[in-house]
Amino acid sequence: MKIRALAIDIDGTLTDKLRRLNFTAGELIRKLEARNVMVILATGNALCVADTISTFLGTSGALIAENGGIISYGDEVKYLASIDEIEKAYSFLKDRLAIREVTRNEYRKTEVALWRDYPVEEIKKILKDFRVEVVDTKFAIHIKNPDVSKGRALEMVARRAGISMQEVAAIGDSSNDIDMLEKAGLSISIGSYLKDVADYTTEREYGDGGVEALKIVMNHI
């Protein structure tokens, strides 16, 4: 089936280890848009970051931010989770570990993101009695609502656009991308980390792998 939309992660997929954008990947995204493929940025980052990157790249699709906690359709923004339980869990954790919020965490509306100063399993153990999900995205540790995910948000975006999930490609590199790749008609893992849920796996990692993945998508439109 022809691919009509692409959902793609940002950090570690379009960037290098220092979060610097791969410009070749950016050029390929513009080529996809020029061929009427709607590009949807799906990130664990805050909406303001996704919005800025979307503007500079020239993507036309909705924005999925905070691991599926927020969907932005331009001026219309949908918040899919409450932060109340997250804040309780964060306060409980802060009393037990010297955790640090990531830079600009105050802009997040549905989750809390922390620097990776402690193993994710240690944080999960401390927060086991809270109804939260703890996810390590390789760049930060996120405390989020377990009912939201990139994959569920992507289904909502596709439904609103009148596109079947079989017509959607997804590219990601981390555990928060798993269900997005599982639900997409074409799925690509950056490196081998998500090979068990992906149709294709890139040889290279980070933004260079993103370039490989985008070329695969180009071959399916």
N, C-alpha and C. Protein backbone atom coordinates (compact mmCIF):
# COMPACT_ATOMS: atom_id res chain seq x y z
N MET A 1 0.84 -1.20 0.00
CA MET A 1 0.00 0.00 0.00
C MET A 1 0.87 1.25 0.00
N LYS A 2 0.45 2.26 -0.70
CA LYS A 2 1.20 3.50 -0.78
C LYS A 2 1.18 4.25 0.54
N ILE A 3 2.35 4.77 0.94
CA ILE A 3 2.45 5.53 2.18
C ILE A 3 2.01 6.96 1.95
N ARG A 4 1.09 7.41 2.77
CA ARG A 4 0.56 8.78 2.66
C ARG A 4 0.99 9.68 3.82
N ALA A 5 1.47 9.09 4.90
CA ALA A 5 1.90 9.88 6.06
C ALA A 5 3.07 9.20 6.74
N LEU A 6 3.91 9.99 7.36
CA LEU A 6 5.06 9.49 8.11
C LEU A 6 5.07 10.09 9.50
N ALA A 7 5.13 9.23 10.52
CA ALA A 7 5.32 9.67 11.90
C ALA A 7 6.78 9.39 12.26
N ILE A 8 7.49 10.41 12.70
CA ILE A 8 8.91 10.24 12.97
C ILE A 8 9.31 10.90 14.28
N ASP A 9 10.09 10.16 15.06
CA ASP A 9 10.67 10.66 16.30
C ASP A 9 11.71 11.74 15.96
N ILE A 10 12.09 12.51 16.95
CA ILE A 10 13.09 13.57 16.71
C ILE A 10 14.44 13.22 17.34
N ASP A 11 14.52 13.23 18.67
CA ASP A 11 15.80 13.02 19.36
C ASP A 11 16.32 11.60 19.13
N GLY A 12 17.53 11.51 18.58
CA GLY A 12 18.14 10.21 18.32
C GLY A 12 17.73 9.61 17.00
N THR A 13 16.75 10.21 16.34
CA THR A 13 16.27 9.73 15.05
C THR A 13 16.60 10.74 13.95
N LEU A 14 16.39 12.00 14.24
CA LEU A 14 16.77 13.07 13.32
C LEU A 14 18.01 13.82 13.80
N THR A 15 18.52 13.41 14.96
CA THR A 15 19.66 14.13 15.56
C THR A 15 20.80 13.18 15.89
N ASP A 16 21.95 13.77 16.23
CA ASP A 16 23.08 12.96 16.72
C ASP A 16 23.01 12.87 18.24
N LYS A 17 24.06 12.34 18.85
CA LYS A 17 24.07 12.15 20.30
C LYS A 17 23.94 13.46 21.06
N LEU A 18 24.37 14.55 20.44
CA LEU A 18 24.31 15.87 21.09
C LEU A 18 23.03 16.62 20.72
N ARG A 19 22.10 15.91 20.05
CA ARG A 19 20.80 16.47 19.67
C ARG A 19 20.91 17.52 18.57
N ARG A 20 21.97 17.43 17.78
CA ARG A 20 22.12 18.33 16.63
C ARG A 20 21.43 17.71 15.43
N LEU A 21 20.61 18.51 14.76
CA LEU A 21 19.81 18.03 13.65
C LEU A 21 20.67 17.60 12.48
N ASN A 22 20.32 16.45 11.88
CA ASN A 22 20.98 15.99 10.66
C ASN A 22 20.32 16.69 9.47
N PHE A 23 21.07 17.53 8.78
CA PHE A 23 20.49 18.36 7.73
C PHE A 23 20.06 17.54 6.51
N THR A 24 20.75 16.44 6.25
CA THR A 24 20.33 15.58 5.14
C THR A 24 18.96 14.98 5.43
N ALA A 25 18.74 14.60 6.67
CA ALA A 25 17.42 14.09 7.07
C ALA A 25 16.37 15.17 6.88
N GLY A 26 16.71 16.39 7.23
CA GLY A 26 15.78 17.50 7.05
C GLY A 26 15.42 17.71 5.58
N GLU A 27 16.40 17.58 4.70
CA GLU A 27 16.15 17.73 3.27
C GLU A 27 15.22 16.63 2.76
N LEU A 28 15.40 15.41 3.26
CA LEU A 28 14.55 14.29 2.85
C LEU A 28 13.11 14.48 3.33
N ILE A 29 12.96 15.04 4.52
CA ILE A 29 11.61 15.33 5.01
C ILE A 29 10.91 16.33 4.09
N ARG A 30 11.63 17.33 3.63
CA ARG A 30 11.03 18.30 2.72
C ARG A 30 10.68 17.65 1.38
N LYS A 31 11.49 16.71 0.94
CA LYS A 31 11.19 16.00 -0.31
C LYS A 31 9.93 15.15 -0.15
N LEU A 32 9.78 14.53 1.01
CA LEU A 32 8.56 13.75 1.26
C LEU A 32 7.33 14.65 1.26
N GLU A 33 7.44 15.79 1.91
CA GLU A 33 6.33 16.74 1.93
C GLU A 33 6.01 17.22 0.51
N ALA A 34 7.03 17.43 -0.31
CA ALA A 34 6.82 17.88 -1.68
C ALA A 34 6.11 16.81 -2.52
N ARG A 35 6.22 15.56 -2.06
CA ARG A 35 5.54 14.45 -2.76
C ARG A 35 4.24 14.07 -2.04
N ASN A 36 3.72 15.03 -1.28
CA ASN A 36 2.41 14.90 -0.62
C ASN A 36 2.35 13.83 0.46
N VAL A 37 3.49 13.56 1.09
CA VAL A 37 3.50 12.71 2.28
C VAL A 37 3.44 13.63 3.50
N MET A 38 2.41 13.49 4.29
CA MET A 38 2.24 14.32 5.48
C MET A 38 3.18 13.83 6.59
N VAL A 39 4.10 14.68 7.00
CA VAL A 39 5.07 14.29 8.04
C VAL A 39 4.57 14.75 9.40
N ILE A 40 4.50 13.80 10.32
CA ILE A 40 4.02 14.02 11.69
C ILE A 40 5.20 13.85 12.64
N LEU A 41 5.58 14.89 13.33
CA LEU A 41 6.64 14.77 14.33
C LEU A 41 6.05 14.18 15.60
N ALA A 42 6.66 13.09 16.08
CA ALA A 42 6.16 12.41 17.29
C ALA A 42 7.31 12.30 18.27
N THR A 43 7.25 13.09 19.32
CA THR A 43 8.40 13.24 20.20
C THR A 43 8.04 13.12 21.68
N GLY A 44 9.03 12.81 22.49
CA GLY A 44 8.86 12.86 23.93
C GLY A 44 9.09 14.27 24.46
N ASN A 45 9.51 15.15 23.59
CA ASN A 45 9.83 16.51 24.01
C ASN A 45 8.57 17.35 24.17
N ALA A 46 8.76 18.56 24.68
CA ALA A 46 7.64 19.48 24.91
C ALA A 46 7.09 19.99 23.58
N LEU A 47 5.84 20.42 23.59
CA LEU A 47 5.18 20.88 22.38
C LEU A 47 5.90 22.06 21.75
N CYS A 48 6.40 22.98 22.55
CA CYS A 48 7.06 24.15 21.98
C CYS A 48 8.29 23.76 21.17
N VAL A 49 8.99 22.70 21.60
CA VAL A 49 10.16 22.22 20.86
C VAL A 49 9.71 21.62 19.53
N ALA A 50 8.71 20.75 19.58
CA ALA A 50 8.19 20.13 18.36
C ALA A 50 7.68 21.17 17.38
N ASP A 51 7.00 22.19 17.89
CA ASP A 51 6.44 23.24 17.04
C ASP A 51 7.55 24.01 16.33
N THR A 52 8.61 24.31 17.05
CA THR A 52 9.73 25.04 16.45
C THR A 52 10.41 24.21 15.37
N ILE A 53 10.67 22.94 15.67
CA ILE A 53 11.32 22.08 14.68
C ILE A 53 10.44 21.89 13.46
N SER A 54 9.13 21.75 13.68
CA SER A 54 8.20 21.62 12.57
C SER A 54 8.26 22.84 11.65
N THR A 55 8.32 24.01 12.24
CA THR A 55 8.39 25.24 11.45
C THR A 55 9.65 25.27 10.60
N PHE A 56 10.79 24.94 11.19
CA PHE A 56 12.05 25.00 10.45
C PHE A 56 12.17 23.90 9.40
N LEU A 57 11.59 22.73 9.67
CA LEU A 57 11.65 21.63 8.71
C LEU A 57 10.59 21.77 7.62
N GLY A 58 9.48 22.40 7.96
CA GLY A 58 8.39 22.55 7.00
C GLY A 58 7.46 21.36 6.96
N THR A 59 7.18 20.75 8.11
CA THR A 59 6.26 19.61 8.13
C THR A 59 4.82 20.10 8.19
N SER A 60 3.91 19.30 7.62
CA SER A 60 2.51 19.72 7.53
C SER A 60 1.58 18.94 8.45
N GLY A 61 2.06 17.85 9.03
CA GLY A 61 1.19 17.02 9.86
C GLY A 61 1.01 17.55 11.26
N ALA A 62 0.14 16.90 12.00
CA ALA A 62 -0.06 17.25 13.41
C ALA A 62 1.23 16.98 14.18
N LEU A 63 1.31 17.53 15.36
CA LEU A 63 2.46 17.30 16.24
C LEU A 63 2.02 16.44 17.42
N ILE A 64 2.79 15.41 17.69
CA ILE A 64 2.56 14.56 18.86
C ILE A 64 3.71 14.83 19.82
N ALA A 65 3.39 15.37 20.99
CA ALA A 65 4.42 15.76 21.95
C ALA A 65 4.21 15.03 23.27
N GLU A 66 5.25 15.08 24.11
CA GLU A 66 5.20 14.49 25.45
C GLU A 66 4.74 13.03 25.41
N ASN A 67 5.32 12.29 24.45
CA ASN A 67 5.06 10.84 24.35
C ASN A 67 3.59 10.49 24.14
N GLY A 68 2.89 11.37 23.43
CA GLY A 68 1.48 11.11 23.16
C GLY A 68 0.53 11.81 24.11
N GLY A 69 1.05 12.57 25.04
CA GLY A 69 0.19 13.29 25.97
C GLY A 69 -0.47 14.50 25.36
N ILE A 70 0.10 14.99 24.25
CA ILE A 70 -0.42 16.19 23.59
C ILE A 70 -0.45 15.96 22.08
N ILE A 71 -1.53 16.40 21.45
CA ILE A 71 -1.60 16.46 20.00
C ILE A 71 -1.92 17.90 19.62
N SER A 72 -1.15 18.43 18.68
CA SER A 72 -1.39 19.80 18.20
C SER A 72 -1.76 19.76 16.73
N TYR A 73 -2.93 20.33 16.42
CA TYR A 73 -3.36 20.52 15.04
C TYR A 73 -3.29 22.01 14.73
N GLY A 74 -2.11 22.57 14.75
CA GLY A 74 -1.99 24.01 14.54
C GLY A 74 -2.49 24.77 15.75
N ASP A 75 -3.54 25.55 15.58
CA ASP A 75 -4.08 26.35 16.68
C ASP A 75 -4.88 25.52 17.68
N GLU A 76 -5.24 24.31 17.29
CA GLU A 76 -6.03 23.43 18.17
C GLU A 76 -5.09 22.44 18.87
N VAL A 77 -5.07 22.50 20.18
CA VAL A 77 -4.20 21.62 20.97
C VAL A 77 -5.05 20.76 21.89
N LYS A 78 -4.80 19.46 21.86
CA LYS A 78 -5.53 18.51 22.70
C LYS A 78 -4.58 17.93 23.75
N TYR A 79 -4.97 18.04 25.02
CA TYR A 79 -4.21 17.44 26.12
C TYR A 79 -4.90 16.14 26.49
N LEU A 80 -4.20 15.04 26.34
CA LEU A 80 -4.81 13.72 26.49
C LEU A 80 -4.59 13.09 27.86
N ALA A 81 -3.96 13.82 28.76
CA ALA A 81 -3.72 13.27 30.10
C ALA A 81 -3.63 14.39 31.12
N SER A 82 -3.96 14.06 32.35
CA SER A 82 -3.80 14.99 33.48
C SER A 82 -2.43 14.79 34.10
N ILE A 83 -1.85 15.86 34.61
CA ILE A 83 -0.54 15.77 35.21
C ILE A 83 -0.61 15.55 36.74
N ASP A 84 -1.81 15.50 37.30
CA ASP A 84 -1.97 15.44 38.76
C ASP A 84 -1.23 14.26 39.39
N GLU A 85 -1.47 13.06 38.90
CA GLU A 85 -0.82 11.88 39.47
C GLU A 85 0.68 11.89 39.21
N ILE A 86 1.08 12.46 38.08
CA ILE A 86 2.50 12.57 37.74
C ILE A 86 3.21 13.45 38.76
N GLU A 87 2.58 14.56 39.10
CA GLU A 87 3.20 15.48 40.06
C GLU A 87 3.30 14.86 41.45
N LYS A 88 2.30 14.07 41.83
CA LYS A 88 2.38 13.37 43.12
C LYS A 88 3.54 12.38 43.13
N ALA A 89 3.67 11.65 42.03
CA ALA A 89 4.76 10.68 41.92
C ALA A 89 6.11 11.39 41.92
N TYR A 90 6.19 12.49 41.22
CA TYR A 90 7.44 13.25 41.16
C TYR A 90 7.83 13.77 42.54
N SER A 91 6.86 14.29 43.27
CA SER A 91 7.13 14.80 44.62
C SER A 91 7.63 13.67 45.54
N PHE A 92 7.00 12.52 45.43
CA PHE A 92 7.40 11.34 46.22
C PHE A 92 8.82 10.93 45.86
N LEU A 93 9.13 10.91 44.60
CA LEU A 93 10.46 10.51 44.14
C LEU A 93 11.52 11.51 44.58
N LYS A 94 11.19 12.79 44.52
CA LYS A 94 12.14 13.85 44.88
C LYS A 94 12.55 13.79 46.34
N ASP A 95 11.67 13.27 47.19
CA ASP A 95 11.99 13.13 48.60
C ASP A 95 12.95 11.97 48.87
N ARG A 96 13.16 11.12 47.85
CA ARG A 96 13.97 9.91 48.04
C ARG A 96 15.24 9.87 47.20
N LEU A 97 15.24 10.61 46.09
CA LEU A 97 16.42 10.65 45.23
C LEU A 97 16.73 12.10 44.86
N ALA A 98 18.00 12.39 44.65
CA ALA A 98 18.41 13.74 44.25
C ALA A 98 18.23 13.89 42.73
N ILE A 99 16.99 13.81 42.28
CA ILE A 99 16.68 13.87 40.85
C ILE A 99 16.73 15.31 40.35
N ARG A 100 16.92 15.43 39.04
CA ARG A 100 16.96 16.75 38.41
C ARG A 100 16.02 16.79 37.22
N GLU A 101 15.19 17.80 37.15
CA GLU A 101 14.34 17.98 35.98
C GLU A 101 15.19 18.42 34.79
N VAL A 102 14.79 17.99 33.59
CA VAL A 102 15.50 18.44 32.40
C VAL A 102 15.25 19.93 32.19
N THR A 103 16.10 20.55 31.39
CA THR A 103 15.96 21.96 31.07
C THR A 103 14.61 22.23 30.41
N ARG A 104 13.94 23.29 30.82
CA ARG A 104 12.64 23.71 30.32
C ARG A 104 11.52 22.71 30.62
N ASN A 105 11.70 21.93 31.66
CA ASN A 105 10.64 20.99 32.03
C ASN A 105 9.35 21.72 32.39
N GLU A 106 9.46 22.98 32.75
CA GLU A 106 8.27 23.74 33.15
C GLU A 106 7.28 23.91 31.99
N TYR A 107 7.71 23.68 30.77
CA TYR A 107 6.81 23.82 29.63
C TYR A 107 5.99 22.55 29.37
N ARG A 108 6.28 21.48 30.08
CA ARG A 108 5.54 20.24 29.90
C ARG A 108 4.21 20.31 30.64
N LYS A 109 3.18 19.77 30.03
CA LYS A 109 1.82 19.86 30.56
C LYS A 109 1.24 18.53 31.01
N THR A 110 1.80 17.40 30.55
CA THR A 110 1.21 16.10 30.87
C THR A 110 2.20 15.11 31.47
N GLU A 111 3.46 15.50 31.63
CA GLU A 111 4.46 14.59 32.16
C GLU A 111 5.60 15.38 32.80
N VAL A 112 6.51 14.65 33.44
CA VAL A 112 7.73 15.23 33.99
C VAL A 112 8.90 14.48 33.39
N ALA A 113 9.93 15.21 32.97
CA ALA A 113 11.12 14.59 32.40
C ALA A 113 12.33 14.89 33.27
N LEU A 114 13.15 13.87 33.50
CA LEU A 114 14.30 13.96 34.39
C LEU A 114 15.59 13.62 33.64
N TRP A 115 16.69 14.18 34.12
CA TRP A 115 17.99 13.75 33.62
C TRP A 115 18.23 12.30 34.04
N ARG A 116 19.04 11.59 33.28
CA ARG A 116 19.25 10.15 33.50
C ARG A 116 20.34 9.91 34.56
N ASP A 117 20.12 10.47 35.75
CA ASP A 117 21.10 10.34 36.84
C ASP A 117 20.97 9.02 37.59
N TYR A 118 19.82 8.38 37.46
CA TYR A 118 19.56 7.12 38.17
C TYR A 118 19.01 6.09 37.18
N PRO A 119 19.27 4.82 37.41
CA PRO A 119 18.73 3.77 36.53
C PRO A 119 17.20 3.83 36.51
N VAL A 120 16.64 3.64 35.35
CA VAL A 120 15.18 3.71 35.22
C VAL A 120 14.49 2.66 36.09
N GLU A 121 15.11 1.50 36.26
CA GLU A 121 14.50 0.45 37.08
C GLU A 121 14.41 0.86 38.54
N GLU A 122 15.38 1.64 39.01
CA GLU A 122 15.34 2.12 40.40
C GLU A 122 14.16 3.08 40.58
N ILE A 123 13.95 3.95 39.61
CA ILE A 123 12.83 4.89 39.68
C ILE A 123 11.49 4.16 39.59
N LYS A 124 11.42 3.17 38.71
CA LYS A 124 10.19 2.37 38.59
C LYS A 124 9.85 1.70 39.91
N LYS A 125 10.85 1.18 40.58
CA LYS A 125 10.63 0.48 41.85
C LYS A 125 10.08 1.43 42.91
N ILE A 126 10.63 2.63 42.98
CA ILE A 126 10.18 3.61 43.97
C ILE A 126 8.73 4.04 43.68
N LEU A 127 8.38 4.13 42.41
CA LEU A 127 7.05 4.63 42.03
C LEU A 127 6.05 3.53 41.72
N LYS A 128 6.32 2.32 42.17
CA LYS A 128 5.48 1.17 41.81
C LYS A 128 4.04 1.29 42.29
N ASP A 129 3.81 2.06 43.32
CA ASP A 129 2.44 2.19 43.85
C ASP A 129 1.67 3.36 43.24
N PHE A 130 2.30 4.07 42.32
CA PHE A 130 1.63 5.18 41.64
C PHE A 130 1.17 4.71 40.26
N ARG A 131 0.06 5.24 39.81
CA ARG A 131 -0.42 4.89 38.47
C ARG A 131 0.27 5.77 37.43
N VAL A 132 1.54 5.46 37.21
CA VAL A 132 2.34 6.19 36.24
C VAL A 132 3.18 5.18 35.46
N GLU A 133 3.69 5.63 34.33
CA GLU A 133 4.63 4.83 33.54
C GLU A 133 5.95 5.58 33.50
N VAL A 134 7.04 4.87 33.70
CA VAL A 134 8.37 5.47 33.66
C VAL A 134 9.10 4.95 32.42
N VAL A 135 9.53 5.87 31.57
CA VAL A 135 10.13 5.49 30.29
C VAL A 135 11.49 6.16 30.12
N ASP A 136 12.48 5.39 29.71
CA ASP A 136 13.81 5.91 29.40
C ASP A 136 13.92 6.04 27.89
N THR A 137 14.06 7.26 27.39
CA THR A 137 14.13 7.49 25.94
C THR A 137 15.56 7.67 25.45
N LYS A 138 16.54 7.37 26.30
CA LYS A 138 17.98 7.52 26.01
C LYS A 138 18.48 8.94 26.20
N PHE A 139 17.54 9.90 26.17
CA PHE A 139 17.92 11.30 26.39
C PHE A 139 17.39 11.81 27.73
N ALA A 140 16.31 11.20 28.22
CA ALA A 140 15.71 11.60 29.49
C ALA A 140 14.86 10.45 30.01
N ILE A 141 14.51 10.55 31.29
CA ILE A 141 13.56 9.60 31.89
C ILE A 141 12.25 10.34 32.10
N HIS A 142 11.18 9.79 31.54
CA HIS A 142 9.88 10.45 31.57
C HIS A 142 8.93 9.74 32.53
N ILE A 143 8.26 10.51 33.37
CA ILE A 143 7.17 9.99 34.21
C ILE A 143 5.88 10.45 33.54
N LYS A 144 5.10 9.49 33.04
CA LYS A 144 3.95 9.82 32.21
C LYS A 144 2.73 9.01 32.59
N ASN A 145 1.60 9.41 32.05
CA ASN A 145 0.36 8.68 32.23
C ASN A 145 0.41 7.39 31.40
N PRO A 146 0.10 6.23 31.97
CA PRO A 146 0.19 4.97 31.22
C PRO A 146 -0.86 4.83 30.12
N ASP A 147 -1.86 5.70 30.11
CA ASP A 147 -2.92 5.60 29.11
C ASP A 147 -2.59 6.31 27.80
N VAL A 148 -1.51 7.08 27.77
CA VAL A 148 -1.15 7.78 26.55
C VAL A 148 0.14 7.20 25.98
N SER A 149 0.25 7.29 24.66
CA SER A 149 1.45 6.82 23.97
C SER A 149 1.50 7.46 22.60
N LYS A 150 2.65 7.40 21.98
CA LYS A 150 2.76 7.92 20.62
C LYS A 150 1.85 7.15 19.66
N GLY A 151 1.77 5.84 19.84
CA GLY A 151 0.96 5.02 18.96
C GLY A 151 -0.51 5.36 19.03
N ARG A 152 -1.03 5.55 20.24
CA ARG A 152 -2.45 5.89 20.40
C ARG A 152 -2.73 7.28 19.82
N ALA A 153 -1.81 8.21 20.06
CA ALA A 153 -1.99 9.55 19.50
C ALA A 153 -1.94 9.51 17.98
N LEU A 154 -1.05 8.68 17.43
CA LEU A 154 -0.94 8.57 15.98
C LEU A 154 -2.22 8.03 15.36
N GLU A 155 -2.85 7.08 16.02
CA GLU A 155 -4.13 6.56 15.53
C GLU A 155 -5.17 7.67 15.46
N MET A 156 -5.19 8.55 16.45
CA MET A 156 -6.14 9.66 16.46
C MET A 156 -5.84 10.63 15.32
N VAL A 157 -4.56 10.90 15.10
CA VAL A 157 -4.16 11.82 14.03
C VAL A 157 -4.54 11.24 12.66
N ALA A 158 -4.26 9.97 12.46
CA ALA A 158 -4.56 9.32 11.18
C ALA A 158 -6.07 9.30 10.92
N ARG A 159 -6.84 8.98 11.97
CA ARG A 159 -8.29 8.93 11.83
C ARG A 159 -8.84 10.29 11.41
N ARG A 160 -8.36 11.33 12.04
CA ARG A 160 -8.83 12.67 11.71
C ARG A 160 -8.44 13.07 10.29
N ALA A 161 -7.30 12.59 9.81
CA ALA A 161 -6.84 12.93 8.46
C ALA A 161 -7.46 12.03 7.39
N GLY A 162 -8.22 11.02 7.82
CA GLY A 162 -8.83 10.11 6.87
C GLY A 162 -7.84 9.16 6.23
N ILE A 163 -6.80 8.82 6.98
CA ILE A 163 -5.74 7.93 6.50
C ILE A 163 -5.75 6.66 7.33
N SER A 164 -5.67 5.51 6.69
CA SER A 164 -5.60 4.26 7.44
C SER A 164 -4.19 4.07 8.00
N MET A 165 -4.07 3.34 9.08
CA MET A 165 -2.75 3.11 9.68
C MET A 165 -1.85 2.31 8.73
N GLN A 166 -2.44 1.56 7.82
CA GLN A 166 -1.63 0.85 6.83
C GLN A 166 -0.96 1.80 5.84
N GLU A 167 -1.45 3.03 5.78
CA GLU A 167 -0.87 4.04 4.89
C GLU A 167 0.12 4.94 5.63
N VAL A 168 0.43 4.59 6.87
CA VAL A 168 1.33 5.39 7.70
C VAL A 168 2.64 4.65 7.92
N ALA A 169 3.74 5.34 7.74
CA ALA A 169 5.06 4.82 8.09
C ALA A 169 5.47 5.43 9.43
N ALA A 170 6.26 4.69 10.20
CA ALA A 170 6.74 5.20 11.49
C ALA A 170 8.21 4.88 11.64
N ILE A 171 8.96 5.85 12.16
CA ILE A 171 10.40 5.71 12.38
C ILE A 171 10.71 6.10 13.81
N GLY A 172 11.44 5.24 14.53
CA GLY A 172 11.80 5.55 15.91
C GLY A 172 13.03 4.79 16.36
N ASP A 173 13.48 5.13 17.57
CA ASP A 173 14.73 4.54 18.05
C ASP A 173 14.69 4.06 19.49
N SER A 174 13.57 4.26 20.19
CA SER A 174 13.56 3.99 21.63
C SER A 174 12.26 3.33 22.06
N SER A 175 12.23 2.93 23.34
CA SER A 175 11.08 2.18 23.84
C SER A 175 9.78 2.96 23.75
N ASN A 176 9.83 4.28 23.79
CA ASN A 176 8.60 5.06 23.68
C ASN A 176 8.05 5.09 22.25
N ASP A 177 8.79 4.49 21.31
CA ASP A 177 8.33 4.41 19.93
C ASP A 177 7.73 3.05 19.58
N ILE A 178 7.78 2.10 20.50
CA ILE A 178 7.40 0.73 20.17
C ILE A 178 5.98 0.62 19.63
N ASP A 179 5.00 1.13 20.37
CA ASP A 179 3.62 0.93 19.90
C ASP A 179 3.32 1.72 18.64
N MET A 180 4.03 2.82 18.42
CA MET A 180 3.88 3.58 17.19
C MET A 180 4.34 2.73 16.00
N LEU A 181 5.45 2.04 16.15
CA LEU A 181 5.94 1.17 15.09
C LEU A 181 5.04 -0.05 14.91
N GLU A 182 4.52 -0.57 16.02
CA GLU A 182 3.65 -1.75 15.94
C GLU A 182 2.36 -1.45 15.18
N LYS A 183 1.86 -0.22 15.30
CA LYS A 183 0.57 0.13 14.70
C LYS A 183 0.69 0.61 13.25
N ALA A 184 1.88 0.99 12.82
CA ALA A 184 2.05 1.56 11.49
C ALA A 184 2.12 0.47 10.41
N GLY A 185 1.74 0.86 9.20
CA GLY A 185 1.80 -0.08 8.08
C GLY A 185 3.22 -0.37 7.65
N LEU A 186 4.12 0.59 7.83
CA LEU A 186 5.54 0.44 7.52
C LEU A 186 6.32 0.96 8.71
N SER A 187 7.17 0.12 9.29
CA SER A 187 7.90 0.53 10.50
C SER A 187 9.40 0.33 10.33
N ILE A 188 10.15 1.32 10.82
CA ILE A 188 11.60 1.30 10.66
C ILE A 188 12.26 1.64 11.99
N SER A 189 13.18 0.80 12.42
CA SER A 189 13.94 1.02 13.65
C SER A 189 15.28 1.65 13.32
N ILE A 190 15.64 2.68 14.06
CA ILE A 190 16.97 3.27 13.93
C ILE A 190 17.93 2.39 14.72
N GLY A 191 18.82 1.70 14.02
CA GLY A 191 19.65 0.70 14.68
C GLY A 191 18.80 -0.52 15.00
N SER A 192 19.33 -1.39 15.82
CA SER A 192 18.67 -2.68 16.07
C SER A 192 17.78 -2.70 17.31
N TYR A 193 17.70 -1.59 18.06
CA TYR A 193 17.01 -1.61 19.35
C TYR A 193 15.56 -2.05 19.23
N LEU A 194 14.87 -1.64 18.17
CA LEU A 194 13.45 -1.97 17.99
C LEU A 194 13.25 -3.00 16.87
N LYS A 195 14.26 -3.79 16.60
CA LYS A 195 14.20 -4.72 15.47
C LYS A 195 13.04 -5.71 15.58
N ASP A 196 12.63 -6.05 16.79
CA ASP A 196 11.57 -7.04 16.97
C ASP A 196 10.19 -6.53 16.56
N VAL A 197 10.04 -5.21 16.45
CA VAL A 197 8.73 -4.64 16.08
C VAL A 197 8.79 -3.89 14.76
N ALA A 198 9.93 -3.94 14.07
CA ALA A 198 10.10 -3.14 12.86
C ALA A 198 10.19 -4.00 11.60
N ASP A 199 9.71 -3.45 10.51
CA ASP A 199 9.83 -4.10 9.21
C ASP A 199 11.25 -3.96 8.66
N TYR A 200 11.88 -2.83 8.97
CA TYR A 200 13.24 -2.57 8.51
C TYR A 200 14.08 -2.07 9.69
N THR A 201 15.38 -2.32 9.60
CA THR A 201 16.33 -1.84 10.60
C THR A 201 17.48 -1.15 9.88
N THR A 202 17.84 0.03 10.34
CA THR A 202 18.94 0.74 9.68
C THR A 202 20.28 0.23 10.20
N GLU A 203 21.29 0.34 9.35
CA GLU A 203 22.64 -0.07 9.74
C GLU A 203 23.28 0.95 10.67
N ARG A 204 23.00 2.22 10.43
CA ARG A 204 23.60 3.28 11.24
C ARG A 204 22.59 3.76 12.28
N GLU A 205 23.08 4.49 13.27
CA GLU A 205 22.23 4.98 14.35
C GLU A 205 22.12 6.49 14.29
N TYR A 206 21.29 7.02 15.17
CA TYR A 206 21.06 8.46 15.29
C TYR A 206 20.64 9.05 13.93
N GLY A 207 21.01 10.29 13.66
CA GLY A 207 20.52 10.97 12.46
C GLY A 207 20.94 10.31 11.17
N ASP A 208 22.12 9.68 11.16
CA ASP A 208 22.55 8.98 9.95
C ASP A 208 21.62 7.79 9.67
N GLY A 209 21.17 7.14 10.73
CA GLY A 209 20.18 6.09 10.57
C GLY A 209 18.86 6.66 10.11
N GLY A 210 18.54 7.87 10.59
CA GLY A 210 17.32 8.54 10.15
C GLY A 210 17.33 8.78 8.65
N VAL A 211 18.48 9.13 8.11
CA VAL A 211 18.61 9.32 6.66
C VAL A 211 18.31 8.01 5.94
N GLU A 212 18.88 6.90 6.42
CA GLU A 212 18.60 5.58 5.83
C GLU A 212 17.10 5.29 5.86
N ALA A 213 16.49 5.54 7.00
CA ALA A 213 15.07 5.23 7.18
C ALA A 213 14.21 6.07 6.25
N LEU A 214 14.51 7.34 6.11
CA LEU A 214 13.73 8.22 5.25
C LEU A 214 13.84 7.80 3.78
N LYS A 215 14.99 7.29 3.40
CA LYS A 215 15.16 6.79 2.03
C LYS A 215 14.29 5.55 1.80
N ILE A 216 14.15 4.73 2.83
CA ILE A 216 13.26 3.56 2.72
C ILE A 216 11.82 4.03 2.48
N VAL A 217 11.40 5.03 3.25
CA VAL A 217 10.06 5.56 3.07
C VAL A 217 9.87 6.11 1.66
N MET A 218 10.89 6.79 1.14
CA MET A 218 10.81 7.35 -0.21
C MET A 218 10.51 6.26 -1.24
N ASN A 219 11.00 5.07 -0.98
CA ASN A 219 10.78 3.94 -1.90
C ASN A 219 9.38 3.34 -1.81
N HIS A 220 8.59 3.82 -0.86
CA HIS A 220 7.24 3.26 -0.65
C HIS A 220 6.15 4.29 -0.94
N ILE A 221 6.48 5.35 -1.67
CA ILE A 221 5.45 6.35 -1.98
C ILE A 221 5.23 6.41 -3.48
